[in-house]
């Protein structure tokens, strides 16, 4: 399966569900760490899709109230991932249940599985998938690297295509 189709099929369950949402996580201060936020920003202009987007600057923990208030049962989290063995610009898609209970190679300090356990105690986030965009440069500064920009564009295109398939 090609990369674009892989993204489309992975995100469709979250876009097609009434109880689905996309949480985009990131920070402007560490170059490629902004990847998740950039995905949402590029999707905000898609008619009907904006209501599925949740911006989470600086970490998933900063949008817990919004996720709970919306009653999100199917949550797709898009965030920068640490470059382990890759060169940056790749993406990984994994169900939360495939991630170690205490570790996920995202760029944030509070482990995502811990935050999701809290959300599940509140009756939301029953189905969580992580789409990590592998960072190439996490130094202090602004602007994403060319490799990560290409991946952001590919993820945005995949989400748009998936949303169109949901609404047809």
Protein backbone atom coordinates (compact mmCIF):
# COMPACT_ATOMS: atom_id res chain seq x y z
CA UNK A 1 0.00 0.00 0.00
CA UNK A 2 1.41 3.41 -0.85
CA UNK A 3 2.01 6.00 1.87
CA UNK A 4 -0.91 8.27 0.98
CA UNK A 5 -3.38 5.37 0.94
CA UNK A 6 -1.94 4.15 4.26
CA UNK A 7 -2.67 7.56 5.82
CA UNK A 8 -6.17 7.69 4.31
CA UNK A 9 -7.15 4.26 5.61
CA UNK A 10 -5.62 4.92 9.04
CA UNK A 11 -7.40 8.23 9.65
CA UNK A 12 -10.81 7.46 8.10
CA UNK A 13 -12.26 5.81 11.23
CA UNK A 14 -11.60 9.02 13.18
CA UNK A 15 -13.00 11.34 10.53
CA UNK A 16 -16.05 9.27 9.62
CA UNK A 17 -17.19 8.77 13.21
CA UNK A 18 -19.55 11.26 14.88
CA UNK A 19 -17.48 10.73 18.03
CA UNK A 20 -14.11 11.13 16.29
CA UNK A 21 -11.60 13.97 16.47
CA UNK A 22 -8.00 14.83 15.65
CA UNK A 23 -5.78 16.30 18.36
CA UNK A 24 -2.79 18.13 16.90
CA UNK A 25 0.08 18.55 19.34
CA UNK A 26 3.22 20.66 19.08
CA UNK A 27 5.22 23.71 19.98
CA UNK A 28 6.52 26.58 17.89
CA UNK A 29 9.76 26.77 19.86
CA UNK A 30 11.55 23.62 18.72
CA UNK A 31 11.58 23.62 14.91
CA UNK A 32 10.07 20.28 13.75
CA UNK A 33 8.11 19.91 16.99
CA UNK A 34 5.46 22.15 15.42
CA UNK A 35 4.52 19.40 12.92
CA UNK A 36 1.26 18.36 14.60
CA UNK A 37 0.02 21.94 14.92
CA UNK A 38 0.94 22.62 11.29
CA UNK A 39 -1.22 19.70 10.16
CA UNK A 40 -4.29 21.15 11.90
CA UNK A 41 -3.59 24.67 10.69
CA UNK A 42 -3.45 23.40 7.11
CA UNK A 43 -6.78 21.60 7.58
CA UNK A 44 -8.77 24.41 9.22
CA UNK A 45 -9.91 25.79 5.88
CA UNK A 46 -11.52 22.49 4.80
CA UNK A 47 -15.25 23.01 5.07
CA UNK A 48 -16.78 20.81 7.77
CA UNK A 49 -13.45 19.49 9.02
CA UNK A 50 -12.60 22.29 11.44
CA UNK A 51 -15.07 20.89 14.00
CA UNK A 52 -13.04 17.66 14.16
CA UNK A 53 -9.77 19.46 14.95
CA UNK A 54 -8.40 20.15 18.42
CA UNK A 55 -5.24 22.25 18.73
CA UNK A 56 -3.03 21.17 21.65
CA UNK A 57 -0.10 23.60 21.90
CA UNK A 58 2.76 22.33 24.08
CA UNK A 59 1.16 18.95 24.83
CA UNK A 60 -1.93 16.76 24.78
CA UNK A 61 -2.51 17.62 28.43
CA UNK A 62 -3.38 21.18 27.36
CA UNK A 63 -6.56 20.13 25.54
CA UNK A 64 -7.98 17.54 27.95
CA UNK A 65 -10.99 19.70 28.79
CA UNK A 66 -11.89 20.10 25.12
CA UNK A 67 -11.62 16.34 24.45
CA UNK A 68 -13.78 15.55 27.48
CA UNK A 69 -16.35 18.28 26.69
CA UNK A 70 -16.73 17.03 23.12
CA UNK A 71 -17.12 13.43 24.30
CA UNK A 72 -14.49 12.19 21.84
CA UNK A 73 -14.46 8.39 21.74
CA UNK A 74 -12.17 7.95 18.71
CA UNK A 75 -9.09 10.14 19.00
CA UNK A 76 -6.31 10.51 16.44
CA UNK A 77 -3.28 12.26 17.98
CA UNK A 78 -0.83 13.88 15.57
CA UNK A 79 2.50 14.84 17.10
CA UNK A 80 6.20 15.02 16.35
CA UNK A 81 8.06 11.83 17.18
CA UNK A 82 11.65 11.36 18.24
CA UNK A 83 14.00 10.22 15.49
CA UNK A 84 14.91 6.68 16.55
CA UNK A 85 16.80 5.07 13.70
CA UNK A 86 15.27 7.34 11.07
CA UNK A 87 16.50 10.52 9.49
CA UNK A 88 13.39 12.56 10.06
CA UNK A 89 10.43 13.19 7.83
CA UNK A 90 8.99 9.70 8.08
CA UNK A 91 5.72 9.03 9.86
CA UNK A 92 4.53 6.27 12.14
CA UNK A 93 0.93 5.24 12.79
CA UNK A 94 0.20 3.04 15.77
CA UNK A 95 -2.74 2.22 18.02
CA UNK A 96 -2.14 3.35 21.58
CA UNK A 97 -2.50 -0.24 22.78
CA UNK A 98 0.67 -1.10 20.81
CA UNK A 99 2.70 1.43 22.81
CA UNK A 100 4.45 0.66 26.06
CA UNK A 101 2.33 1.81 29.00
CA UNK A 102 4.97 4.30 30.10
CA UNK A 103 6.81 5.29 26.95
CA UNK A 104 6.12 6.75 23.56
CA UNK A 105 8.78 8.43 21.51
CA UNK A 106 7.00 11.77 21.20
CA UNK A 107 8.73 15.02 22.01
CA UNK A 108 6.68 15.81 25.13
CA UNK A 109 7.39 15.13 28.77
CA UNK A 110 4.11 13.69 30.05
CA UNK A 111 3.70 10.22 28.50
CA UNK A 112 0.74 10.04 26.11
CA UNK A 113 -0.42 6.68 27.53
CA UNK A 114 -0.71 8.30 30.98
CA UNK A 115 -2.85 11.13 29.60
CA UNK A 116 -5.05 8.68 27.70
CA UNK A 117 -5.58 6.58 30.84
CA UNK A 118 -6.88 9.76 32.52
CA UNK A 119 -9.19 10.46 29.56
CA UNK A 120 -10.52 6.90 29.64
CA UNK A 121 -11.34 7.31 33.32
CA UNK A 122 -13.48 10.25 32.21
CA UNK A 123 -15.32 8.07 29.67
CA UNK A 124 -13.63 9.30 26.49
CA UNK A 125 -10.73 8.31 24.20
CA UNK A 126 -11.70 4.64 24.03
CA UNK A 127 -9.94 4.23 20.66
CA UNK A 128 -6.70 6.19 20.28
CA UNK A 129 -4.23 6.10 17.41
CA UNK A 130 -1.01 8.07 17.24
CA UNK A 131 0.33 9.49 14.02
CA UNK A 132 3.88 10.60 14.71
CA UNK A 133 5.83 12.72 12.25
CA UNK A 134 9.49 11.94 12.87
CA UNK A 135 11.39 15.14 13.67
CA UNK A 136 14.73 15.89 12.09
CA UNK A 137 15.61 19.03 14.09
CA UNK A 138 14.36 19.75 17.62
CA UNK A 139 16.73 22.60 18.39
CA UNK A 140 15.38 25.90 19.66
CA UNK A 141 14.10 27.94 16.74
CA UNK A 142 11.28 28.34 14.26
CA UNK A 143 10.49 26.71 10.94
CA UNK A 144 10.35 23.07 9.97
CA UNK A 145 12.95 21.18 7.97
CA UNK A 146 12.27 20.37 4.34
CA UNK A 147 11.83 16.64 5.06
CA UNK A 148 9.26 17.26 7.79
CA UNK A 149 7.44 19.85 5.62
CA UNK A 150 7.00 17.19 2.92
CA UNK A 151 5.59 14.75 5.48
CA UNK A 152 3.22 17.39 6.89
CA UNK A 153 1.94 18.03 3.36
CA UNK A 154 1.48 14.30 2.75
CA UNK A 155 -0.41 13.83 6.02
CA UNK A 156 -2.64 16.84 5.24
CA UNK A 157 -3.38 15.46 1.77
CA UNK A 158 -4.21 12.04 3.23
CA UNK A 159 -6.56 13.52 5.82
CA UNK A 160 -8.32 15.65 3.17
CA UNK A 161 -8.79 12.62 0.95
CA UNK A 162 -10.07 10.52 3.86
CA UNK A 163 -12.54 13.26 4.83
CA UNK A 164 -13.82 13.49 1.26
CA UNK A 165 -14.39 9.73 1.26
CA UNK A 166 -16.32 10.04 4.55
CA UNK A 167 -18.60 12.74 3.21
CA UNK A 168 -19.43 11.14 -0.16
